[in-house]
Amino acid sequence: MKFATIFKEDQEYISRCILDYPHIETGGDFFGFWNNLGLPVIQYVTGQGKNSNQQVTFFQQDLKYLLKVSNAAYQSFGLQHIGSWHSHHQLNLAQPSGHDAQTMVNAINKNGLNQFFMILGNIQGDRTTVNGFLFDKENQRRYFETRWNILHEKNPFKETIDKLVGEDLYLPQTTKAKFADLKLINNVKAETIVLESNPEKISIKKDVESSQGNIEKLAHQKFCTFCGKKLWGVLNDETSSKIINVTEMIKNKK
């Protein structure tokens, strides 16, 4: 099962932004990282910039604003731009359009990414949907629908980045978020996110012998057989013999 992680207040922020514009599209971006399962962890969310292009069936972010927020998120906490969101307001289109899918594919291919995440929202009465869609390099326009892992603690990154963005920050006029059909994941089990490490037990002697063989091989190899590039610090006979002598001393000592 694919899921995305987000702070509750950030998800509510998206819902409030969507409710601000019931007849035209709005949108924003989000920043964070990919966890060890390759799934998105969202740690900061933006709304639209002042010069965004908003239409009934189209939204384009203010690129100058996006660059400002990106710099603030990265320089303060090292957060990466991992996706974007926009609304389909009352268009009754709950899935990515063909244009949406192609935009994601272009972002992945143009920037050499493995994946990129999209959030879409619709207005249903006085509530909104907030649904996630994961695109990747291998599947291109075919995406995965995701569920939500909600973090209920206060977002520790928001205040700092908000201050750096300053007066350009979008503040929703809608004061309360309301959700319809929010797709949640049940408790995330620790074993799904904790890495397991079981080092192989080998003797020091075997390890040293393996290292010696690698050094001897490197001493006579001038170019990488895989890419053809010159190896870093190609060892000459004198240097390699000194290193091999050191490993021989270690081996004898053990």
Foldseek 3Di string as FASTA:
>chain_A
DAAEEDAPVQVLQVQLLLLLPQQKKWKWFFWADQAPVRHYYTQDIATAFPPWDIDRADTDGDVVLVVQLQCLCCVVPNIHGAEMEMENRAVPDQDQDPVRLQVQLCVCVVVVHQKHKYWYWYDDPSAIATWIWIDGNVVRSDIDTHAYDYDHDDRPRYVSSPVSSPPRGDDRPRDGHHHDPHGHDPDDDPVVRDDDDDDDDDDPLVVLVVVLVVLVVQQPDQADPPPRHGDPPRHHPVRSVVVSVVSVVVNVVD
